[in-house]
Amino acid sequence: MNINVSFDPLRTLGIPAIPLKPDHWIRRRDIVLAADWVLFPEYWQANTLVYGWKKRIFPSIASFHLGHDKVEMTRIFQAICPDNTPETLILAATETAVEQILDEFSFPFVAKEIRNSMGQGVYLIKNRMDFLKYARNAAVLYVQEYLPITRDMRLVLVGDSVVAGYWRKAAPGQFHNNVSCGAVVSFDGVPDGAVRLVESFARATGVDHAGFDVAEVEGHFYFLEFNIRCGTRALTDHGITLNSWIYAWLTASQRHAMS
C-alpha cells in the first residue's frame, strides 16, 4: 500500500496513514483521491467517498449502512438470523402503535432509542407508565422482549474474524451490562458458538468492523446490537489493541484486490 488517509488517528495508531480532520476532506481531496484506503470516515462522508470518489473505506460501507442505527441493524438481524434475534417491534410513534405494543408485549420489556450507545437510551419497561413516558419522547417506537440475563458478551470483529471477546456482567442493581455503566469484565470462557455466529453474519453482510453485543439464554445466542465505533476501554485495560489486526486485514484485502 502506498497512501492511506485516517480521519480518526487515535483508532489508527501504528497504521501508516496521513491524518486529516473530517472537515478538511474537500480541501485536501487530492490526498484523499490518491489514497489506497480511507480509514474511519464519519458517516456523513461515507457515501460520497464510496459512490462519488470510488474510494475503499474501512470500516466497509456495509458496516456504516447496517450499523447506522438500531432499526437498520435489527432489520438485517431479523432477515439473516431470525432465530438469533429477540422478538422486536419497530413502529411509528402513534397512539395505535402504543396500544398494539401494550397488547402484544408483557412486562417487563425493553425499549430503546434508535441512535445511542454505551447503554444510554435503553430502558427497562416495568409497567404502562414507564412505557408511556418513553413513548412521549420517541419518534420511533423500538421495543424488544426482555431476556433474563445478568451479563452479555462483547465480540470485536476485524475483517471476517472475531479478534477479541469478553463477558460484561452488570454491576449490582444495574440493568445495563455496559462497561461505561460499571460492568465487570471477564475474558474467560467466551463460547465458540457466539464467535461463529458473529463471523457468519459478517461473511453474509460485508460488515468488517464492529463490536457486537450478544446475549446467551440457556445455550442459545441472541444479537442485541453492534457498534462500528465501539469502546475500547476493556481491551486497552487488558493490553489488547486492534491496530495490528486492522492493518493485516487492509493489507490482505489490498493484495486480494490486485491479484
C-alpha atoms as a PDB file:
ATOM      1  CA  MET A   1       0.000   0.000   0.000  1.00  0.00           C
ATOM      2  CA  ASN A   2       1.221   3.471  -0.843  1.00  0.00           C
ATOM      3  CA  ILE A   3      -1.055   6.004   0.824  1.00  0.00           C
ATOM      4  CA  ASN A   4      -3.726   5.735   3.472  1.00  0.00           C
ATOM      5  CA  VAL A   5      -5.777   8.538   4.961  1.00  0.00           C
ATOM      6  CA  SER A   6      -7.175   8.415   8.501  1.00  0.00           C
ATOM      7  CA  PHE A   7      -9.985  10.600   9.784  1.00  0.00           C
ATOM      8  CA  ASP A   8      -9.596   9.105  13.283  1.00  0.00           C
ATOM      9  CA  PRO A   9      -5.876   8.984  14.155  1.00  0.00           C
ATOM     10  CA  LEU A  10      -6.467   7.547  17.637  1.00  0.00           C
ATOM     11  CA  ARG A  11      -8.063   4.433  16.151  1.00  0.00           C
ATOM     12  CA  THR A  12      -5.280   4.016  13.602  1.00  0.00           C
ATOM     13  CA  LEU A  13      -2.169   4.495  15.726  1.00  0.00           C
ATOM     14  CA  GLY A  14       0.645   2.415  14.256  1.00  0.00           C
ATOM     15  CA  ILE A  15      -1.023   2.138  10.836  1.00  0.00           C
ATOM     16  CA  PRO A  16       0.768   4.122   8.109  1.00  0.00           C
ATOM     17  CA  ALA A  17      -1.750   6.864   7.319  1.00  0.00           C
ATOM     18  CA  ILE A  18      -1.955  10.588   6.757  1.00  0.00           C
ATOM     19  CA  PRO A  19      -4.182  12.110   9.459  1.00  0.00           C
ATOM     20  CA  LEU A  20      -6.867  14.503   8.271  1.00  0.00           C
ATOM     21  CA  LYS A  21      -9.684  16.279  10.036  1.00  0.00           C
ATOM     22  CA  PRO A  22     -13.064  15.268   8.585  1.00  0.00           C
ATOM     23  CA  ASP A  23     -13.906  18.918   7.877  1.00  0.00           C
ATOM     24  CA  HIS A  24     -10.797  19.176   5.651  1.00  0.00           C
ATOM     25  CA  TRP A  25     -11.746  16.345   3.309  1.00  0.00           C
ATOM     26  CA  ILE A  26     -12.809  18.572   0.408  1.00  0.00           C
ATOM     27  CA  ARG A  27      -9.881  20.996   0.532  1.00  0.00           C
ATOM     28  CA  ARG A  28      -7.485  18.005   0.745  1.00  0.00           C
ATOM     29  CA  ARG A  29      -9.288  15.982  -1.885  1.00  0.00           C
ATOM     30  CA  ASP A  30      -6.013  15.421  -3.770  1.00  0.00           C
ATOM     31  CA  ILE A  31      -4.686  13.376  -0.854  1.00  0.00           C
ATOM     32  CA  VAL A  32      -7.978  11.551  -0.361  1.00  0.00           C
ATOM     33  CA  LEU A  33      -8.303  10.713  -4.062  1.00  0.00           C
ATOM     34  CA  ALA A  34      -4.753   9.324  -4.121  1.00  0.00           C
ATOM     35  CA  ALA A  35      -5.289   7.107  -1.061  1.00  0.00           C
ATOM     36  CA  ASP A  36      -5.499   3.340  -1.229  1.00  0.00           C
ATOM     37  CA  TRP A  37      -7.644   3.292   1.897  1.00  0.00           C
ATOM     38  CA  VAL A  38      -9.676   5.909   3.735  1.00  0.00           C
ATOM     39  CA  LEU A  39      -9.883   4.896   7.383  1.00  0.00           C
ATOM     40  CA  PHE A  40     -12.658   5.673   9.852  1.00  0.00           C
ATOM     41  CA  PRO A  41     -14.502   8.418   7.995  1.00  0.00           C
ATOM     42  CA  GLU A  42     -17.611   9.927   9.552  1.00  0.00           C
ATOM     43  CA  TYR A  43     -20.967   8.538   8.478  1.00  0.00           C
ATOM     44  CA  TRP A  44     -21.755  11.707   6.540  1.00  0.00           C
ATOM     45  CA  GLN A  45     -18.597  11.231   4.451  1.00  0.00           C
ATOM     46  CA  ALA A  46     -19.023   7.545   3.650  1.00  0.00           C
ATOM     47  CA  ASN A  47     -21.483   7.663   0.749  1.00  0.00           C
ATOM     48  CA  THR A  48     -19.570  10.355  -1.127  1.00  0.00           C
ATOM     49  CA  LEU A  49     -16.248   8.595  -0.596  1.00  0.00           C
ATOM     50  CA  VAL A  50     -17.553   5.265  -1.889  1.00  0.00           C
ATOM     51  CA  TYR A  51     -20.100   6.211  -4.533  1.00  0.00           C
ATOM     52  CA  GLY A  52     -18.707   9.568  -5.644  1.00  0.00           C
ATOM     53  CA  TRP A  53     -14.944   9.156  -5.353  1.00  0.00           C
ATOM     54  CA  LYS A  54     -14.873   5.329  -5.595  1.00  0.00           C
ATOM     55  CA  LYS A  55     -12.652   5.019  -2.512  1.00  0.00           C
ATOM     56  CA  ARG A  56     -12.137   1.915  -0.396  1.00  0.00           C
ATOM     57  CA  ILE A  57     -13.091   2.703   3.159  1.00  0.00           C
ATOM     58  CA  PHE A  58     -12.637   0.941   6.464  1.00  0.00           C
ATOM     59  CA  PRO A  59     -14.972   0.093   8.098  1.00  0.00           C
ATOM     60  CA  SER A  60     -16.832  -1.043   4.981  1.00  0.00           C
ATOM     61  CA  ILE A  61     -19.818   0.772   3.544  1.00  0.00           C
ATOM     62  CA  ALA A  62     -21.977  -2.164   4.692  1.00  0.00           C
ATOM     63  CA  SER A  63     -20.735  -1.571   8.230  1.00  0.00           C
ATOM     64  CA  PHE A  64     -21.810   2.070   8.025  1.00  0.00           C
ATOM     65  CA  HIS A  65     -25.188   1.445   6.425  1.00  0.00           C
ATOM     66  CA  LEU A  66     -26.249  -1.520   8.551  1.00  0.00           C
ATOM     67  CA  GLY A  67     -24.803  -0.090  11.762  1.00  0.00           C
ATOM     68  CA  HIS A  68     -26.286   3.371  11.301  1.00  0.00           C
ATOM     69  CA  ASP A  69     -28.998   2.857  13.890  1.00  0.00           C
ATOM     70  CA  LYS A  70     -30.844   0.135  15.789  1.00  0.00           C
ATOM     71  CA  VAL A  71     -33.596  -0.012  13.182  1.00  0.00           C
ATOM     72  CA  GLU A  72     -31.199  -0.872  10.348  1.00  0.00           C
ATOM     73  CA  MET A  73     -29.244  -3.445  12.341  1.00  0.00           C
ATOM     74  CA  THR A  74     -32.336  -5.106  13.771  1.00  0.00           C
ATOM     75  CA  ARG A  75     -33.909  -5.487  10.346  1.00  0.00           C
ATOM     76  CA  ILE A  76     -30.803  -7.190   8.979  1.00  0.00           C
ATOM     77  CA  PHE A  77     -30.652  -9.443  12.065  1.00  0.00           C
ATOM     78  CA  GLN A  78     -34.297 -10.402  11.510  1.00  0.00           C
ATOM     79  CA  ALA A  79     -33.635 -11.116   7.823  1.00  0.00           C
ATOM     80  CA  ILE A  80     -30.349 -13.015   8.132  1.00  0.00           C
ATOM     81  CA  CYS A  81     -30.637 -14.741  11.507  1.00  0.00           C
ATOM     82  CA  PRO A  82     -34.218 -14.508  12.830  1.00  0.00           C
ATOM     83  CA  ASP A  83     -33.677 -17.293  15.366  1.00  0.00           C
ATOM     84  CA  ASN A  84     -30.891 -15.227  16.936  1.00  0.00           C
ATOM     85  CA  THR A  85     -32.905 -12.011  17.209  1.00  0.00           C
ATOM     86  CA  PRO A  86     -35.046 -11.197  20.257  1.00  0.00           C
ATOM     87  CA  GLU A  87     -38.714 -10.540  19.492  1.00  0.00           C
ATOM     88  CA  THR A  88     -38.779  -6.920  18.388  1.00  0.00           C
ATOM     89  CA  LEU A  89     -41.350  -4.399  17.164  1.00  0.00           C
ATOM     90  CA  ILE A  90     -40.376  -1.179  15.373  1.00  0.00           C
ATOM     91  CA  LEU A  91     -43.288   1.175  14.771  1.00  0.00           C
ATOM     92  CA  ALA A  92     -44.044   4.826  14.197  1.00  0.00           C
ATOM     93  CA  ALA A  93     -44.894   6.598  17.449  1.00  0.00           C
ATOM     94  CA  THR A  94     -48.679   6.705  17.124  1.00  0.00           C
ATOM     95  CA  GLU A  95     -51.428   6.033  19.650  1.00  0.00           C
ATOM     96  CA  THR A  96     -52.399   2.922  17.699  1.00  0.00           C
ATOM     97  CA  ALA A  97     -48.830   1.618  17.833  1.00  0.00           C
ATOM     98  CA  VAL A  98     -48.620   2.290  21.575  1.00  0.00           C
ATOM     99  CA  GLU A  99     -51.738   0.212  22.170  1.00  0.00           C
ATOM    100  CA  GLN A 100     -50.504  -2.534  19.835  1.00  0.00           C
ATOM    101  CA  ILE A 101     -47.280  -2.854  21.798  1.00  0.00           C
ATOM    102  CA  LEU A 102     -49.093  -2.895  25.131  1.00  0.00           C
ATOM    103  CA  ASP A 103     -51.355  -5.649  23.757  1.00  0.00           C
ATOM    104  CA  GLU A 104     -48.524  -7.792  22.375  1.00  0.00           C
ATOM    105  CA  PHE A 105     -45.760  -7.377  24.961  1.00  0.00           C
ATOM    106  CA  SER A 106     -45.819  -8.459  28.584  1.00  0.00           C
ATOM    107  CA  PHE A 107     -43.974  -6.544  31.292  1.00  0.00           C
ATOM    108  CA  PRO A 108     -41.097  -6.257  31.695  1.00  0.00           C
ATOM    109  CA  PHE A 109     -39.787  -5.489  28.234  1.00  0.00           C
ATOM    110  CA  VAL A 110     -37.038  -3.288  26.818  1.00  0.00           C
ATOM    111  CA  ALA A 111     -37.447  -0.011  24.915  1.00  0.00           C
ATOM    112  CA  LYS A 112     -34.640   1.701  23.060  1.00  0.00           C
ATOM    113  CA  GLU A 113     -33.790   4.956  21.381  1.00  0.00           C
ATOM    114  CA  ILE A 114     -32.727   4.108  17.860  1.00  0.00           C
ATOM    115  CA  ARG A 115     -29.448   6.060  17.951  1.00  0.00           C
ATOM    116  CA  ASN A 116     -27.453   5.803  21.130  1.00  0.00           C
ATOM    117  CA  SER A 117     -24.622   3.801  22.676  1.00  0.00           C
ATOM    118  CA  MET A 118     -22.862   2.905  25.938  1.00  0.00           C
ATOM    119  CA  GLY A 119     -26.184   1.830  27.445  1.00  0.00           C
ATOM    120  CA  GLN A 120     -27.752   5.241  27.036  1.00  0.00           C
ATOM    121  CA  GLY A 121     -31.273   5.283  25.647  1.00  0.00           C
ATOM    122  CA  VAL A 122     -32.022   1.688  26.706  1.00  0.00           C
ATOM    123  CA  TYR A 123     -34.857   1.354  29.212  1.00  0.00           C
ATOM    124  CA  LEU A 124     -36.329  -1.479  31.228  1.00  0.00           C
ATOM    125  CA  ILE A 125     -40.096  -1.011  30.943  1.00  0.00           C
ATOM    126  CA  LYS A 126     -41.772  -2.390  34.047  1.00  0.00           C
ATOM    127  CA  ASN A 127     -45.288  -1.015  33.662  1.00  0.00           C
ATOM    128  CA  ARG A 128     -47.629   1.017  31.462  1.00  0.00           C
ATOM    129  CA  MET A 129     -46.487   4.319  32.984  1.00  0.00           C
ATOM    130  CA  ASP A 130     -42.846   3.545  32.112  1.00  0.00           C
ATOM    131  CA  PHE A 131     -43.788   2.851  28.516  1.00  0.00           C
ATOM    132  CA  LEU A 132     -45.973   5.915  28.065  1.00  0.00           C
ATOM    133  CA  LYS A 133     -43.128   8.079  29.401  1.00  0.00           C
ATOM    134  CA  TYR A 134     -40.756   6.538  26.847  1.00  0.00           C
ATOM    135  CA  ALA A 135     -43.294   6.815  24.000  1.00  0.00           C
ATOM    136  CA  ARG A 136     -43.943  10.526  24.630  1.00  0.00           C
ATOM    137  CA  ASN A 137     -40.333  11.340  23.690  1.00  0.00           C
ATOM    138  CA  ALA A 138     -39.854   8.852  20.844  1.00  0.00           C
ATOM    139  CA  ALA A 139     -40.308   9.436  17.128  1.00  0.00           C
ATOM    140  CA  VAL A 140     -39.918   5.700  16.538  1.00  0.00           C
ATOM    141  CA  LEU A 141     -41.051   3.033  18.985  1.00  0.00           C
ATOM    142  CA  TYR A 142     -38.460   0.288  19.335  1.00  0.00           C
ATOM    143  CA  VAL A 143     -39.383  -2.425  21.823  1.00  0.00           C
ATOM    144  CA  GLN A 144     -37.827  -5.794  22.444  1.00  0.00           C
ATOM    145  CA  GLU A 145     -38.500  -8.788  24.623  1.00  0.00           C
ATOM    146  CA  TYR A 146     -36.683  -8.837  27.946  1.00  0.00           C
ATOM    147  CA  LEU A 147     -34.020 -11.527  28.090  1.00  0.00           C
ATOM    148  CA  PRO A 148     -33.369 -12.945  31.578  1.00  0.00           C
ATOM    149  CA  ILE A 149     -29.632 -12.241  31.676  1.00  0.00           C
ATOM    150  CA  THR A 150     -27.216 -10.598  34.085  1.00  0.00           C
ATOM    151  CA  ARG A 151     -24.342 -10.484  31.605  1.00  0.00           C
ATOM    152  CA  ASP A 152     -23.692 -10.374  27.873  1.00  0.00           C
ATOM    153  CA  MET A 153     -20.739 -10.645  25.501  1.00  0.00           C
ATOM    154  CA  ARG A 154     -18.863  -8.036  23.532  1.00  0.00           C
ATOM    155  CA  LEU A 155     -17.286  -9.662  20.473  1.00  0.00           C
ATOM    156  CA  VAL A 156     -14.979  -7.444  18.424  1.00  0.00           C
ATOM    157  CA  LEU A 157     -14.825  -8.146  14.701  1.00  0.00           C
ATOM    158  CA  VAL A 158     -11.987  -7.064  12.401  1.00  0.00           C
ATOM    159  CA  GLY A 159     -12.302  -8.196   8.808  1.00  0.00           C
ATOM    160  CA  ASP A 160     -14.087 -11.525   8.855  1.00  0.00           C
ATOM    161  CA  SER A 161     -12.820 -12.737  12.248  1.00  0.00           C
ATOM    162  CA  VAL A 162     -13.614 -12.080  15.886  1.00  0.00           C
ATOM    163  CA  VAL A 163     -10.259 -10.965  17.287  1.00  0.00           C
ATOM    164  CA  ALA A 164     -11.297 -10.303  20.891  1.00  0.00           C
ATOM    165  CA  GLY A 165     -14.216 -11.125  23.124  1.00  0.00           C
ATOM    166  CA  TYR A 166     -15.254 -10.796  26.732  1.00  0.00           C
ATOM    167  CA  TRP A 167     -18.186 -11.047  29.108  1.00  0.00           C
ATOM    168  CA  ARG A 168     -19.729  -7.946  30.650  1.00  0.00           C
ATOM    169  CA  LYS A 169     -21.531  -8.558  33.946  1.00  0.00           C
ATOM    170  CA  ALA A 170     -23.850  -5.855  35.226  1.00  0.00           C
ATOM    171  CA  ALA A 171     -22.908  -4.016  38.404  1.00  0.00           C
ATOM    172  CA  PRO A 172     -25.138  -4.832  41.412  1.00  0.00           C
ATOM    173  CA  GLY A 173     -28.556  -3.268  40.942  1.00  0.00           C
ATOM    174  CA  GLN A 174     -27.813  -2.250  37.353  1.00  0.00           C
ATOM    175  CA  PHE A 175     -29.886  -3.245  34.323  1.00  0.00           C
ATOM    176  CA  HIS A 176     -27.174  -2.323  31.798  1.00  0.00           C
ATOM    177  CA  ASN A 177     -24.158  -4.538  31.091  1.00  0.00           C
ATOM    178  CA  ASN A 178     -22.056  -1.756  29.577  1.00  0.00           C
ATOM    179  CA  VAL A 179     -18.538  -1.111  30.838  1.00  0.00           C
ATOM    180  CA  SER A 180     -19.398   2.594  30.969  1.00  0.00           C
ATOM    181  CA  CYS A 181     -22.155   1.691  33.452  1.00  0.00           C
ATOM    182  CA  GLY A 182     -19.786  -0.146  35.786  1.00  0.00           C
ATOM    183  CA  ALA A 183     -19.981  -3.672  34.365  1.00  0.00           C
ATOM    184  CA  VAL A 184     -17.321  -6.177  35.403  1.00  0.00           C
ATOM    185  CA  VAL A 185     -15.297  -7.594  32.506  1.00  0.00           C
ATOM    186  CA  SER A 186     -14.134 -11.189  32.144  1.00  0.00           C
ATOM    187  CA  PHE A 187     -12.211 -12.647  29.195  1.00  0.00           C
ATOM    188  CA  ASP A 188     -12.803 -16.236  30.355  1.00  0.00           C
ATOM    189  CA  GLY A 189     -14.946 -18.727  28.502  1.00  0.00           C
ATOM    190  CA  VAL A 190     -16.458 -16.810  25.587  1.00  0.00           C
ATOM    191  CA  PRO A 191     -18.426 -19.530  23.733  1.00  0.00           C
ATOM    192  CA  ASP A 192     -17.242 -20.629  20.300  1.00  0.00           C
ATOM    193  CA  GLY A 193     -20.848 -20.689  19.121  1.00  0.00           C
ATOM    194  CA  ALA A 194     -21.213 -16.950  19.699  1.00  0.00           C
ATOM    195  CA  VAL A 195     -17.975 -16.292  17.813  1.00  0.00           C
ATOM    196  CA  ARG A 196     -19.155 -18.398  14.866  1.00  0.00           C
ATOM    197  CA  LEU A 197     -22.490 -16.553  14.822  1.00  0.00           C
ATOM    198  CA  VAL A 198     -20.801 -13.155  14.523  1.00  0.00           C
ATOM    199  CA  GLU A 199     -18.354 -14.348  11.864  1.00  0.00           C
ATOM    200  CA  SER A 200     -21.174 -15.927   9.845  1.00  0.00           C
ATOM    201  CA  PHE A 201     -23.129 -12.663   9.980  1.00  0.00           C
ATOM    202  CA  ALA A 202     -20.049 -10.728   8.845  1.00  0.00           C
ATOM    203  CA  ARG A 203     -19.499 -13.000   5.850  1.00  0.00           C
ATOM    204  CA  ALA A 204     -23.170 -12.745   4.863  1.00  0.00           C
ATOM    205  CA  THR A 205     -23.371  -8.949   5.046  1.00  0.00           C
ATOM    206  CA  GLY A 206     -19.917  -7.476   4.430  1.00  0.00           C
ATOM    207  CA  VAL A 207     -19.679  -5.867   7.863  1.00  0.00           C
ATOM    208  CA  ASP A 208     -15.942  -5.870   8.604  1.00  0.00           C
ATOM    209  CA  HIS A 209     -15.510  -3.971  11.853  1.00  0.00           C
ATOM    210  CA  ALA A 210     -17.779  -3.660  14.880  1.00  0.00           C
ATOM    211  CA  GLY A 211     -18.271  -4.545  18.489  1.00  0.00           C
ATOM    212  CA  PHE A 212     -21.179  -6.999  18.642  1.00  0.00           C
ATOM    213  CA  ASP A 213     -23.250  -7.367  21.799  1.00  0.00           C
ATOM    214  CA  VAL A 214     -24.505 -10.933  22.127  1.00  0.00           C
ATOM    215  CA  ALA A 215     -26.630 -12.497  24.868  1.00  0.00           C
ATOM    216  CA  GLU A 216     -26.793 -16.151  25.863  1.00  0.00           C
ATOM    217  CA  VAL A 217     -30.012 -17.656  27.205  1.00  0.00           C
ATOM    218  CA  GLU A 218     -29.948 -21.381  28.023  1.00  0.00           C
ATOM    219  CA  GLY A 219     -27.210 -22.005  25.476  1.00  0.00           C
ATOM    220  CA  HIS A 220     -28.870 -20.004  22.683  1.00  0.00           C
ATOM    221  CA  PHE A 221     -27.309 -16.809  21.360  1.00  0.00           C
ATOM    222  CA  TYR A 222     -29.099 -13.549  20.554  1.00  0.00           C
ATOM    223  CA  PHE A 223     -27.809 -10.481  18.772  1.00  0.00           C
ATOM    224  CA  LEU A 224     -28.551  -7.307  20.699  1.00  0.00           C
ATOM    225  CA  GLU A 225     -26.770  -4.704  18.544  1.00  0.00           C
ATOM    226  CA  PHE A 226     -23.403  -3.714  17.143  1.00  0.00           C
ATOM    227  CA  ASN A 227     -21.381  -0.519  17.035  1.00  0.00           C
ATOM    228  CA  ILE A 228     -18.678   0.191  14.459  1.00  0.00           C
ATOM    229  CA  ARG A 229     -17.050   2.728  16.801  1.00  0.00           C
ATOM    230  CA  CYS A 230     -17.247   0.537  19.866  1.00  0.00           C
ATOM    231  CA  GLY A 231     -15.465   1.490  23.051  1.00  0.00           C
ATOM    232  CA  THR A 232     -12.022   0.006  23.605  1.00  0.00           C
ATOM    233  CA  ARG A 233     -11.525   0.634  27.324  1.00  0.00           C
ATOM    234  CA  ALA A 234     -11.880  -3.003  28.339  1.00  0.00           C
ATOM    235  CA  LEU A 235      -9.456  -4.069  25.609  1.00  0.00           C
ATOM    236  CA  THR A 236      -6.921  -1.379  26.478  1.00  0.00           C
ATOM    237  CA  ASP A 237      -7.074  -2.274  30.181  1.00  0.00           C
ATOM    238  CA  HIS A 238      -6.071  -5.817  29.213  1.00  0.00           C
ATOM    239  CA  GLY A 239      -3.276  -4.726  26.881  1.00  0.00           C
ATOM    240  CA  ILE A 240      -5.216  -5.503  23.702  1.00  0.00           C
ATOM    241  CA  THR A 241      -5.064  -3.196  20.675  1.00  0.00           C
ATOM    242  CA  LEU A 242      -6.830  -3.693  17.358  1.00  0.00           C
ATOM    243  CA  ASN A 243      -4.425  -1.825  15.098  1.00  0.00           C
ATOM    244  CA  SER A 244      -2.301  -4.786  14.045  1.00  0.00           C
ATOM    245  CA  TRP A 245      -5.380  -6.805  13.077  1.00  0.00           C
ATOM    246  CA  ILE A 246      -6.811  -3.855  11.158  1.00  0.00           C
ATOM    247  CA  TYR A 247      -3.570  -3.309   9.274  1.00  0.00           C
ATOM    248  CA  ALA A 248      -3.288  -7.010   8.462  1.00  0.00           C
ATOM    249  CA  TRP A 249      -6.844  -7.009   7.095  1.00  0.00           C
ATOM    250  CA  LEU A 250      -6.219  -3.924   4.964  1.00  0.00           C
ATOM    251  CA  THR A 251      -3.018  -5.421   3.570  1.00  0.00           C
ATOM    252  CA  ALA A 252      -4.640  -8.764   2.773  1.00  0.00           C
ATOM    253  CA  SER A 253      -7.638  -7.075   1.146  1.00  0.00           C
ATOM    254  CA  GLN A 254      -5.358  -4.906  -0.983  1.00  0.00           C
ATOM    255  CA  ARG A 255      -3.377  -7.926  -2.168  1.00  0.00           C
ATOM    256  CA  HIS A 256      -6.577  -9.798  -2.988  1.00  0.00           C
ATOM    257  CA  ALA A 257      -7.899  -6.839  -4.997  1.00  0.00           C
ATOM    258  CA  MET A 258      -4.660  -6.683  -7.016  1.00  0.00           C
ATOM    259  CA  SER A 259      -4.460 -10.412  -7.741  1.00  0.00           C
END
